[in-house]
């Protein structure tokens, strides 16, 4: 169990940081700049909520998918569903309440969440089984 938890933690952090650095920050700046927390021209997240997000998503993925699943293919599908539910809830809520949120931004977030959770679940199951 510890191997899968460590592997899923490392993979979610690396993948999400790549997504944020290479895609999301610029996309958000171009779309919803007024909503971002910017310090000296750079987007600066609040650390505690950011870390809490990782704890919540990792606990959920490990308890609901990685621990009870033995096959990587099944983990991919269940991870995609978890990503759809979690990132979909966030993105569609933002689309509903923020005037400048776009369908493109919402769909991009949802697709990213599905990819991220799928990969993290597969990595977790793989390391659980080796």
N, C-alpha and C. Protein backbone atom coordinates (compact mmCIF):
# COMPACT_ATOMS: atom_id res chain seq x y z
N UNK A 1 0.82 -1.20 0.00
CA UNK A 1 0.00 0.00 0.00
C UNK A 1 0.86 1.26 0.00
N UNK A 2 1.95 1.25 0.74
CA UNK A 2 2.79 2.46 0.83
C UNK A 2 3.45 2.79 -0.49
N UNK A 3 3.84 1.74 -1.25
CA UNK A 3 4.44 1.98 -2.56
C UNK A 3 3.45 2.67 -3.49
N UNK A 4 2.20 2.21 -3.47
CA UNK A 4 1.20 2.80 -4.36
C UNK A 4 0.86 4.22 -3.93
N UNK A 5 0.83 4.46 -2.63
CA UNK A 5 0.55 5.82 -2.14
C UNK A 5 1.67 6.77 -2.52
N UNK A 6 2.90 6.34 -2.34
CA UNK A 6 4.04 7.17 -2.71
C UNK A 6 4.08 7.42 -4.22
N UNK A 7 3.87 6.37 -5.00
CA UNK A 7 3.89 6.51 -6.46
C UNK A 7 2.77 7.42 -6.95
N UNK A 8 1.58 7.27 -6.40
CA UNK A 8 0.47 8.12 -6.83
C UNK A 8 0.69 9.57 -6.40
N UNK A 9 1.28 9.77 -5.23
CA UNK A 9 1.57 11.13 -4.76
C UNK A 9 2.59 11.81 -5.67
N UNK A 10 3.67 11.11 -5.95
CA UNK A 10 4.71 11.68 -6.82
C UNK A 10 4.14 11.97 -8.21
N UNK A 11 3.36 11.03 -8.74
CA UNK A 11 2.85 11.23 -10.10
C UNK A 11 1.84 12.38 -10.17
N UNK A 12 0.96 12.51 -9.19
CA UNK A 12 -0.02 13.60 -9.25
C UNK A 12 0.68 14.96 -9.13
N UNK A 13 1.69 15.04 -8.29
CA UNK A 13 2.39 16.31 -8.12
C UNK A 13 3.17 16.68 -9.38
N UNK A 14 3.92 15.73 -9.92
CA UNK A 14 4.71 16.02 -11.12
C UNK A 14 3.79 16.38 -12.30
N UNK A 15 2.79 15.55 -12.54
CA UNK A 15 1.91 15.80 -13.68
C UNK A 15 1.14 17.10 -13.54
N UNK A 16 0.62 17.38 -12.34
CA UNK A 16 -0.16 18.60 -12.16
C UNK A 16 0.72 19.85 -12.24
N UNK A 17 1.93 19.77 -11.71
CA UNK A 17 2.84 20.92 -11.84
C UNK A 17 3.20 21.17 -13.30
N UNK A 18 3.42 20.11 -14.08
CA UNK A 18 3.68 20.28 -15.51
C UNK A 18 2.49 20.93 -16.20
N UNK A 19 1.29 20.45 -15.89
CA UNK A 19 0.07 21.03 -16.47
C UNK A 19 -0.06 22.51 -16.10
N UNK A 20 0.14 22.80 -14.84
CA UNK A 20 0.01 24.19 -14.40
C UNK A 20 1.05 25.08 -15.06
N UNK A 21 2.28 24.65 -15.08
CA UNK A 21 3.37 25.47 -15.65
C UNK A 21 3.27 25.63 -17.16
N UNK A 22 2.97 24.53 -17.85
CA UNK A 22 3.04 24.54 -19.31
C UNK A 22 1.74 24.96 -19.99
N UNK A 23 0.61 24.78 -19.32
CA UNK A 23 -0.67 25.04 -19.98
C UNK A 23 -1.58 25.96 -19.18
N UNK A 24 -1.91 25.54 -17.98
CA UNK A 24 -3.02 26.15 -17.25
C UNK A 24 -2.81 27.61 -16.87
N UNK A 25 -1.65 27.95 -16.35
CA UNK A 25 -1.45 29.33 -15.88
C UNK A 25 -1.65 30.32 -17.02
N UNK A 26 -1.04 30.07 -18.16
CA UNK A 26 -1.20 30.98 -19.30
C UNK A 26 -2.64 31.03 -19.77
N UNK A 27 -3.27 29.88 -19.82
CA UNK A 27 -4.67 29.79 -20.25
C UNK A 27 -5.57 30.58 -19.30
N UNK A 28 -5.37 30.40 -18.00
CA UNK A 28 -6.15 31.12 -17.01
C UNK A 28 -5.87 32.62 -17.09
N UNK A 29 -4.62 33.00 -17.28
CA UNK A 29 -4.28 34.42 -17.38
C UNK A 29 -4.97 35.05 -18.58
N UNK A 30 -5.05 34.33 -19.67
CA UNK A 30 -5.69 34.87 -20.87
C UNK A 30 -7.21 34.90 -20.77
N UNK A 31 -7.76 34.10 -19.86
CA UNK A 31 -9.22 33.95 -19.80
C UNK A 31 -9.84 34.62 -18.58
N UNK A 32 -9.29 34.39 -17.41
CA UNK A 32 -9.91 34.86 -16.17
C UNK A 32 -8.90 35.56 -15.26
N UNK A 33 -8.11 36.43 -15.82
CA UNK A 33 -7.03 37.10 -15.08
C UNK A 33 -7.53 37.77 -13.80
N UNK A 34 -8.71 38.37 -13.86
CA UNK A 34 -9.24 39.10 -12.70
C UNK A 34 -9.53 38.20 -11.50
N UNK A 35 -9.62 36.89 -11.72
CA UNK A 35 -9.90 35.96 -10.63
C UNK A 35 -8.64 35.42 -9.97
N UNK A 36 -7.48 35.63 -10.61
CA UNK A 36 -6.24 35.02 -10.14
C UNK A 36 -5.57 35.85 -9.06
N UNK A 37 -4.87 35.17 -8.19
CA UNK A 37 -4.06 35.80 -7.16
C UNK A 37 -2.68 36.05 -7.75
N UNK A 38 -2.38 37.31 -8.06
CA UNK A 38 -1.14 37.67 -8.73
C UNK A 38 -0.28 38.53 -7.81
N UNK A 39 1.00 38.15 -7.68
CA UNK A 39 1.96 38.91 -6.89
C UNK A 39 3.16 39.19 -7.79
N UNK A 40 3.49 40.45 -7.96
CA UNK A 40 4.61 40.86 -8.82
C UNK A 40 4.54 40.23 -10.21
N UNK A 41 3.34 40.17 -10.77
CA UNK A 41 3.16 39.67 -12.12
C UNK A 41 3.08 38.17 -12.27
N UNK A 42 3.20 37.43 -11.17
CA UNK A 42 3.13 35.96 -11.23
C UNK A 42 1.93 35.45 -10.46
N UNK A 43 1.32 34.40 -10.98
CA UNK A 43 0.22 33.75 -10.28
C UNK A 43 0.80 33.01 -9.08
N UNK A 44 0.26 33.31 -7.90
CA UNK A 44 0.77 32.72 -6.66
C UNK A 44 -0.40 32.07 -5.92
N UNK A 45 -0.42 30.74 -5.88
CA UNK A 45 -1.52 30.07 -5.18
C UNK A 45 -1.36 30.16 -3.66
N UNK A 46 -2.48 30.01 -2.98
CA UNK A 46 -2.43 29.86 -1.53
C UNK A 46 -1.99 28.42 -1.26
N UNK A 47 -0.95 28.26 -0.48
CA UNK A 47 -0.31 26.96 -0.30
C UNK A 47 -1.20 25.95 0.43
N UNK A 48 -1.85 26.35 1.53
CA UNK A 48 -2.65 25.39 2.30
C UNK A 48 -3.78 24.79 1.48
N UNK A 49 -4.63 25.58 0.80
CA UNK A 49 -5.68 24.95 -0.01
C UNK A 49 -5.11 24.10 -1.15
N UNK A 50 -4.00 24.51 -1.70
CA UNK A 50 -3.36 23.77 -2.78
C UNK A 50 -2.93 22.39 -2.27
N UNK A 51 -2.27 22.35 -1.10
CA UNK A 51 -1.86 21.08 -0.51
C UNK A 51 -3.06 20.23 -0.09
N UNK A 52 -4.09 20.87 0.45
CA UNK A 52 -5.29 20.14 0.85
C UNK A 52 -5.97 19.48 -0.35
N UNK A 53 -5.94 20.15 -1.50
CA UNK A 53 -6.50 19.53 -2.71
C UNK A 53 -5.79 18.22 -3.00
N UNK A 54 -4.46 18.23 -2.96
CA UNK A 54 -3.70 17.01 -3.24
C UNK A 54 -4.01 15.91 -2.23
N UNK A 55 -4.13 16.26 -0.96
CA UNK A 55 -4.47 15.27 0.06
C UNK A 55 -5.84 14.66 -0.23
N UNK A 56 -6.83 15.50 -0.52
CA UNK A 56 -8.19 15.01 -0.76
C UNK A 56 -8.24 14.12 -2.00
N UNK A 57 -7.64 14.57 -3.10
CA UNK A 57 -7.70 13.78 -4.34
C UNK A 57 -6.93 12.46 -4.18
N UNK A 58 -5.80 12.50 -3.49
CA UNK A 58 -5.01 11.28 -3.31
C UNK A 58 -5.70 10.28 -2.38
N UNK A 59 -6.30 10.76 -1.32
CA UNK A 59 -7.04 9.86 -0.43
C UNK A 59 -8.20 9.23 -1.19
N UNK A 60 -8.94 10.04 -1.92
CA UNK A 60 -10.07 9.53 -2.68
C UNK A 60 -9.66 8.50 -3.72
N UNK A 61 -8.65 8.82 -4.52
CA UNK A 61 -8.20 7.90 -5.56
C UNK A 61 -7.64 6.61 -4.97
N UNK A 62 -6.91 6.72 -3.87
CA UNK A 62 -6.33 5.51 -3.26
C UNK A 62 -7.40 4.64 -2.62
N UNK A 63 -8.28 5.24 -1.85
CA UNK A 63 -9.30 4.45 -1.14
C UNK A 63 -10.33 3.88 -2.10
N UNK A 64 -10.78 4.67 -3.06
CA UNK A 64 -11.88 4.24 -3.92
C UNK A 64 -11.44 3.44 -5.15
N UNK A 65 -10.20 3.65 -5.61
CA UNK A 65 -9.80 3.01 -6.87
C UNK A 65 -8.52 2.19 -6.73
N UNK A 66 -7.44 2.78 -6.28
CA UNK A 66 -6.14 2.11 -6.32
C UNK A 66 -6.10 0.89 -5.41
N UNK A 67 -6.51 1.02 -4.17
CA UNK A 67 -6.45 -0.11 -3.23
C UNK A 67 -7.36 -1.26 -3.67
N UNK A 68 -8.62 -1.02 -4.04
CA UNK A 68 -9.47 -2.16 -4.39
C UNK A 68 -9.31 -2.69 -5.82
N UNK A 69 -8.50 -2.05 -6.65
CA UNK A 69 -8.39 -2.45 -8.06
C UNK A 69 -7.05 -3.14 -8.32
N UNK A 70 -7.09 -4.23 -9.10
CA UNK A 70 -5.87 -4.97 -9.41
C UNK A 70 -5.38 -4.77 -10.84
N UNK A 71 -6.21 -4.29 -11.73
CA UNK A 71 -5.86 -4.16 -13.14
C UNK A 71 -5.72 -2.69 -13.52
N UNK A 72 -4.63 -2.39 -14.23
CA UNK A 72 -4.36 -1.01 -14.64
C UNK A 72 -5.44 -0.47 -15.58
N UNK A 73 -5.95 -1.32 -16.47
CA UNK A 73 -6.99 -0.87 -17.40
C UNK A 73 -8.24 -0.44 -16.64
N UNK A 74 -8.63 -1.21 -15.66
CA UNK A 74 -9.79 -0.84 -14.84
C UNK A 74 -9.51 0.45 -14.08
N UNK A 75 -8.29 0.60 -13.57
CA UNK A 75 -7.92 1.82 -12.85
C UNK A 75 -7.97 3.04 -13.78
N UNK A 76 -7.59 2.86 -15.04
CA UNK A 76 -7.67 3.96 -16.00
C UNK A 76 -9.11 4.44 -16.17
N UNK A 77 -10.02 3.50 -16.37
CA UNK A 77 -11.42 3.87 -16.56
C UNK A 77 -12.03 4.49 -15.30
N UNK A 78 -11.77 3.88 -14.16
CA UNK A 78 -12.31 4.43 -12.91
C UNK A 78 -11.67 5.78 -12.58
N UNK A 79 -10.38 5.92 -12.88
CA UNK A 79 -9.71 7.20 -12.69
C UNK A 79 -10.31 8.28 -13.57
N UNK A 80 -10.61 7.93 -14.82
CA UNK A 80 -11.25 8.90 -15.72
C UNK A 80 -12.60 9.32 -15.17
N UNK A 81 -13.35 8.38 -14.64
CA UNK A 81 -14.65 8.71 -14.05
C UNK A 81 -14.48 9.61 -12.83
N UNK A 82 -13.50 9.30 -11.98
CA UNK A 82 -13.24 10.14 -10.81
C UNK A 82 -12.82 11.55 -11.24
N UNK A 83 -11.99 11.65 -12.27
CA UNK A 83 -11.58 12.95 -12.79
C UNK A 83 -12.75 13.72 -13.36
N UNK A 84 -13.64 13.02 -14.07
CA UNK A 84 -14.84 13.66 -14.60
C UNK A 84 -15.71 14.22 -13.48
N UNK A 85 -15.88 13.44 -12.43
CA UNK A 85 -16.74 13.88 -11.32
C UNK A 85 -16.11 15.04 -10.55
N UNK A 86 -14.82 14.94 -10.24
CA UNK A 86 -14.20 15.97 -9.40
C UNK A 86 -13.91 17.25 -10.19
N UNK A 87 -13.21 17.12 -11.29
CA UNK A 87 -12.88 18.30 -12.09
C UNK A 87 -14.12 18.84 -12.79
N UNK A 88 -15.05 17.96 -13.14
CA UNK A 88 -16.31 18.40 -13.74
C UNK A 88 -17.13 19.24 -12.78
N UNK A 89 -17.19 18.82 -11.53
CA UNK A 89 -17.92 19.60 -10.53
C UNK A 89 -17.32 21.00 -10.40
N UNK A 90 -16.00 21.05 -10.31
CA UNK A 90 -15.30 22.34 -10.21
C UNK A 90 -15.53 23.20 -11.45
N UNK A 91 -15.25 22.64 -12.61
CA UNK A 91 -15.29 23.42 -13.85
C UNK A 91 -16.70 23.88 -14.19
N UNK A 92 -17.68 23.02 -14.02
CA UNK A 92 -19.05 23.41 -14.34
C UNK A 92 -19.61 24.40 -13.33
N UNK A 93 -19.19 24.30 -12.07
CA UNK A 93 -19.59 25.30 -11.08
C UNK A 93 -18.99 26.65 -11.44
N UNK A 94 -17.71 26.66 -11.81
CA UNK A 94 -17.07 27.91 -12.24
C UNK A 94 -17.78 28.49 -13.45
N UNK A 95 -18.15 27.65 -14.40
CA UNK A 95 -18.86 28.10 -15.59
C UNK A 95 -20.22 28.68 -15.23
N UNK A 96 -20.84 28.13 -14.21
CA UNK A 96 -22.16 28.61 -13.79
C UNK A 96 -22.10 29.95 -13.07
N UNK A 97 -21.03 30.21 -12.32
CA UNK A 97 -21.03 31.40 -11.46
C UNK A 97 -20.08 32.52 -11.87
N UNK A 98 -19.05 32.23 -12.66
CA UNK A 98 -18.11 33.28 -13.06
C UNK A 98 -18.43 33.76 -14.47
N UNK A 99 -18.60 35.05 -14.62
CA UNK A 99 -19.04 35.59 -15.90
C UNK A 99 -18.04 35.38 -17.03
N UNK A 100 -16.74 35.34 -16.75
CA UNK A 100 -15.74 35.21 -17.80
C UNK A 100 -15.27 33.78 -18.03
N UNK A 101 -15.80 32.83 -17.25
CA UNK A 101 -15.40 31.43 -17.44
C UNK A 101 -15.97 30.95 -18.76
N UNK A 102 -15.18 30.23 -19.52
CA UNK A 102 -15.62 29.80 -20.85
C UNK A 102 -15.85 28.29 -20.90
N UNK A 103 -16.62 27.87 -21.90
CA UNK A 103 -16.81 26.44 -22.11
C UNK A 103 -15.47 25.77 -22.41
N UNK A 104 -14.62 26.45 -23.17
CA UNK A 104 -13.31 25.89 -23.49
C UNK A 104 -12.48 25.64 -22.25
N UNK A 105 -12.49 26.60 -21.34
CA UNK A 105 -11.74 26.45 -20.09
C UNK A 105 -12.32 25.30 -19.26
N UNK A 106 -13.65 25.24 -19.19
CA UNK A 106 -14.30 24.17 -18.44
C UNK A 106 -13.98 22.80 -19.04
N UNK A 107 -14.10 22.67 -20.34
CA UNK A 107 -13.81 21.38 -20.99
C UNK A 107 -12.34 21.01 -20.86
N UNK A 108 -11.45 21.99 -20.97
CA UNK A 108 -10.03 21.72 -20.79
C UNK A 108 -9.73 21.20 -19.40
N UNK A 109 -10.32 21.82 -18.38
CA UNK A 109 -10.13 21.37 -17.00
C UNK A 109 -10.68 19.96 -16.80
N UNK A 110 -11.84 19.70 -17.35
CA UNK A 110 -12.45 18.38 -17.18
C UNK A 110 -11.60 17.31 -17.85
N UNK A 111 -11.17 17.57 -19.07
CA UNK A 111 -10.33 16.59 -19.77
C UNK A 111 -9.02 16.37 -19.02
N UNK A 112 -8.43 17.47 -18.53
CA UNK A 112 -7.20 17.33 -17.75
C UNK A 112 -7.44 16.48 -16.51
N UNK A 113 -8.51 16.73 -15.79
CA UNK A 113 -8.81 15.95 -14.59
C UNK A 113 -8.98 14.47 -14.89
N UNK A 114 -9.61 14.17 -16.03
CA UNK A 114 -9.80 12.78 -16.41
C UNK A 114 -8.45 12.12 -16.74
N UNK A 115 -7.60 12.83 -17.47
CA UNK A 115 -6.28 12.30 -17.81
C UNK A 115 -5.44 12.12 -16.55
N UNK A 116 -5.39 13.16 -15.72
CA UNK A 116 -4.58 13.11 -14.50
C UNK A 116 -4.99 11.96 -13.60
N UNK A 117 -6.27 11.86 -13.30
CA UNK A 117 -6.74 10.82 -12.39
C UNK A 117 -6.55 9.43 -12.98
N UNK A 118 -6.73 9.29 -14.30
CA UNK A 118 -6.50 8.00 -14.95
C UNK A 118 -5.06 7.55 -14.79
N UNK A 119 -4.14 8.43 -15.13
CA UNK A 119 -2.72 8.08 -15.06
C UNK A 119 -2.30 7.79 -13.63
N UNK A 120 -2.72 8.64 -12.70
CA UNK A 120 -2.35 8.45 -11.29
C UNK A 120 -2.88 7.12 -10.77
N UNK A 121 -4.10 6.76 -11.12
CA UNK A 121 -4.66 5.49 -10.66
C UNK A 121 -3.91 4.30 -11.26
N UNK A 122 -3.58 4.39 -12.53
CA UNK A 122 -2.83 3.30 -13.17
C UNK A 122 -1.44 3.16 -12.55
N UNK A 123 -0.77 4.28 -12.32
CA UNK A 123 0.55 4.25 -11.67
C UNK A 123 0.43 3.64 -10.27
N UNK A 124 -0.58 4.05 -9.52
CA UNK A 124 -0.78 3.51 -8.18
C UNK A 124 -1.02 2.01 -8.18
N UNK A 125 -1.87 1.54 -9.09
CA UNK A 125 -2.15 0.11 -9.18
C UNK A 125 -0.90 -0.66 -9.62
N UNK A 126 -0.18 -0.10 -10.57
CA UNK A 126 1.06 -0.76 -11.02
C UNK A 126 2.01 -0.97 -9.86
N UNK A 127 2.27 0.09 -9.09
CA UNK A 127 3.22 -0.02 -7.98
C UNK A 127 2.67 -0.84 -6.82
N UNK A 128 1.38 -0.92 -6.69
CA UNK A 128 0.79 -1.78 -5.67
C UNK A 128 1.06 -3.25 -6.01
N UNK A 129 1.08 -3.56 -7.30
CA UNK A 129 1.21 -4.94 -7.75
C UNK A 129 2.64 -5.41 -7.96
N UNK A 130 3.63 -4.51 -7.94
CA UNK A 130 5.01 -4.97 -8.15
C UNK A 130 5.70 -5.25 -6.82
